C-alpha atoms as a PDB file:
ATOM      1  CA  MET A   1      58.826 151.466  73.065  1.00  0.00           C
ATOM      2  CA  GLY A   2      61.991 149.980  71.619  1.00  0.00           C
ATOM      3  CA  SER A   3      62.323 146.547  70.088  1.00  0.00           C
ATOM      4  CA  ALA A   4      64.770 145.453  72.831  1.00  0.00           C
ATOM      5  CA  ILE A   5      62.070 146.123  75.403  1.00  0.00           C
ATOM      6  CA  LEU A   6      59.432 144.258  73.413  1.00  0.00           C
ATOM      7  CA  ASP A   7      61.755 141.298  72.848  1.00  0.00           C
ATOM      8  CA  ALA A   8      62.634 141.098  76.545  1.00  0.00           C
ATOM      9  CA  GLU A   9      58.980 141.359  77.563  1.00  0.00           C
ATOM     10  CA  GLU A  10      58.060 138.500  75.198  1.00  0.00           C
ATOM     11  CA  ARG A  11      60.728 136.307  76.785  1.00  0.00           C
ATOM     12  CA  LEU A  12      59.532 137.284  80.252  1.00  0.00           C
ATOM     13  CA  ASP A  13      55.980 136.274  79.344  1.00  0.00           C
ATOM     14  CA  GLU A  14      57.360 132.757  78.920  1.00  0.00           C
ATOM     15  CA  ASP A  15      59.632 132.847  81.982  1.00  0.00           C
ATOM     16  CA  PRO A  16      59.310 135.766  84.435  1.00  0.00           C
ATOM     17  CA  ASN A  17      62.595 134.755  86.082  1.00  0.00           C
ATOM     18  CA  ASP A  18      64.692 134.822  82.889  1.00  0.00           C
ATOM     19  CA  VAL A  19      67.719 136.716  84.196  1.00  0.00           C
ATOM     20  CA  ASP A  20      69.071 137.465  80.725  1.00  0.00           C
ATOM     21  CA  ALA A  21      65.740 138.921  79.599  1.00  0.00           C
ATOM     22  CA  LEU A  22      65.424 140.951  82.816  1.00  0.00           C
ATOM     23  CA  THR A  23      68.929 142.319  82.309  1.00  0.00           C
ATOM     24  CA  ARG A  24      68.219 143.293  78.706  1.00  0.00           C
ATOM     25  CA  LEU A  25      64.939 144.894  79.740  1.00  0.00           C
ATOM     26  CA  ALA A  26      66.552 146.914  82.533  1.00  0.00           C
ATOM     27  CA  GLU A  27      69.365 148.113  80.277  1.00  0.00           C
ATOM     28  CA  ALA A  28      66.916 149.100  77.541  1.00  0.00           C
ATOM     29  CA  LEU A  29      64.740 150.979  80.028  1.00  0.00           C
ATOM     30  CA  VAL A  30      67.770 152.871  81.348  1.00  0.00           C
ATOM     31  CA  ALA A  31      68.726 153.755  77.772  1.00  0.00           C
ATOM     32  CA  GLU A  32      65.243 155.244  77.381  1.00  0.00           C
ATOM     33  CA  GLN A  33      65.623 156.975  80.763  1.00  0.00           C
ATOM     34  CA  ASP A  34      62.644 155.103  82.205  1.00  0.00           C
ATOM     35  CA  TYR A  35      64.342 154.856  85.581  1.00  0.00           C
ATOM     36  CA  GLU A  36      61.290 153.958  87.667  1.00  0.00           C
ATOM     37  CA  ILE A  37      60.494 150.778  85.765  1.00  0.00           C
ATOM     38  CA  ALA A  38      64.177 149.962  85.282  1.00  0.00           C
ATOM     39  CA  HIS A  39      64.579 150.261  89.052  1.00  0.00           C
ATOM     40  CA  GLU A  40      61.795 147.716  89.627  1.00  0.00           C
ATOM     41  CA  VAL A  41      63.483 145.342  87.193  1.00  0.00           C
ATOM     42  CA  TYR A  42      66.846 145.733  88.940  1.00  0.00           C
ATOM     43  CA  VAL A  43      65.148 145.030  92.283  1.00  0.00           C
ATOM     44  CA  ASP A  44      63.863 141.771  90.767  1.00  0.00           C
ATOM     45  CA  LEU A  45      67.326 140.957  89.407  1.00  0.00           C
ATOM     46  CA  VAL A  46      68.973 141.502  92.789  1.00  0.00           C
ATOM     47  CA  ARG A  47      66.292 139.325  94.391  1.00  0.00           C
ATOM     48  CA  LEU A  48      67.021 136.559  91.885  1.00  0.00           C
ATOM     49  CA  ARG A  49      70.811 137.022  91.881  1.00  0.00           C
ATOM     50  CA  PRO A  50      71.916 138.748  95.098  1.00  0.00           C
ATOM     51  CA  GLU A  51      75.566 138.037  94.250  1.00  0.00           C
ATOM     52  CA  SER A  52      75.380 139.853  90.899  1.00  0.00           C
ATOM     53  CA  ALA A  53      77.590 142.939  90.972  1.00  0.00           C
ATOM     54  CA  SER A  54      76.129 143.967  87.623  1.00  0.00           C
ATOM     55  CA  ALA A  55      72.568 143.949  88.976  1.00  0.00           C
ATOM     56  CA  LEU A  56      73.684 145.892  92.043  1.00  0.00           C
ATOM     57  CA  HIS A  57      75.419 148.503  89.862  1.00  0.00           C
ATOM     58  CA  GLY A  58      72.183 148.857  87.890  1.00  0.00           C
ATOM     59  CA  LEU A  59      70.185 149.194  91.093  1.00  0.00           C
ATOM     60  CA  ALA A  60      72.598 151.889  92.280  1.00  0.00           C
ATOM     61  CA  LEU A  61      72.306 153.762  88.983  1.00  0.00           C
ATOM     62  CA  THR A  62      68.511 153.795  89.019  1.00  0.00           C
ATOM     63  CA  ALA A  63      68.321 154.587  92.729  1.00  0.00           C
ATOM     64  CA  ARG A  64      70.607 157.577  92.155  1.00  0.00           C
ATOM     65  CA  ALA A  65      68.492 158.718  89.183  1.00  0.00           C
ATOM     66  CA  LEU A  66      65.375 158.530  91.377  1.00  0.00           C
ATOM     67  CA  GLY A  67      67.030 160.433  94.221  1.00  0.00           C
ATOM     68  CA  ASP A  68      67.425 157.520  96.648  1.00  0.00           C
ATOM     69  CA  LEU A  69      71.036 158.254  97.496  1.00  0.00           C
ATOM     70  CA  PRO A  70      71.264 155.948 100.543  1.00  0.00           C
ATOM     71  CA  LEU A  71      70.138 152.945  98.468  1.00  0.00           C
ATOM     72  CA  ALA A  72      72.454 153.977  95.637  1.00  0.00           C
ATOM     73  CA  ALA A  73      75.442 154.131  97.987  1.00  0.00           C
ATOM     74  CA  GLU A  74      74.574 150.838  99.704  1.00  0.00           C
ATOM     75  CA  SER A  75      74.099 149.025  96.389  1.00  0.00           C
ATOM     76  CA  GLU A  76      77.341 150.407  94.974  1.00  0.00           C
ATOM     77  CA  ARG A  77      79.285 149.374  98.099  1.00  0.00           C
ATOM     78  CA  GLU A  78      77.896 145.841  97.895  1.00  0.00           C
ATOM     79  CA  ALA A  79      78.682 145.609  94.169  1.00  0.00           C
ATOM     80  CA  LEU A  80      82.268 146.719  94.790  1.00  0.00           C
ATOM     81  CA  ARG A  81      82.596 144.239  97.667  1.00  0.00           C
ATOM     82  CA  LEU A  82      81.481 141.430  95.384  1.00  0.00           C
ATOM     83  CA  GLU A  83      83.849 142.496  92.631  1.00  0.00           C
ATOM     84  CA  ARG A  84      86.791 142.517  95.018  1.00  0.00           C
ATOM     85  CA  GLY A  85      85.910 139.066  96.279  1.00  0.00           C
END
């Protein structure tokens, strides 16, 4: 397990809703191709920040990696909608 993951997990022990730590954790998990756990983290991020295009892009990426193409497409559409304003 990488140090970025351990650092993020330590911060999340203190505050489970730390959006920055959740984002770092999700990105580190994707880098390690741990898509299942990264997906769960992105679900939490979208729950905490539903207007975050970045979180929705991450959710789309992990959904696609896990074979959930409908969720990937829906998340990507919403992210693009948010980016366009």
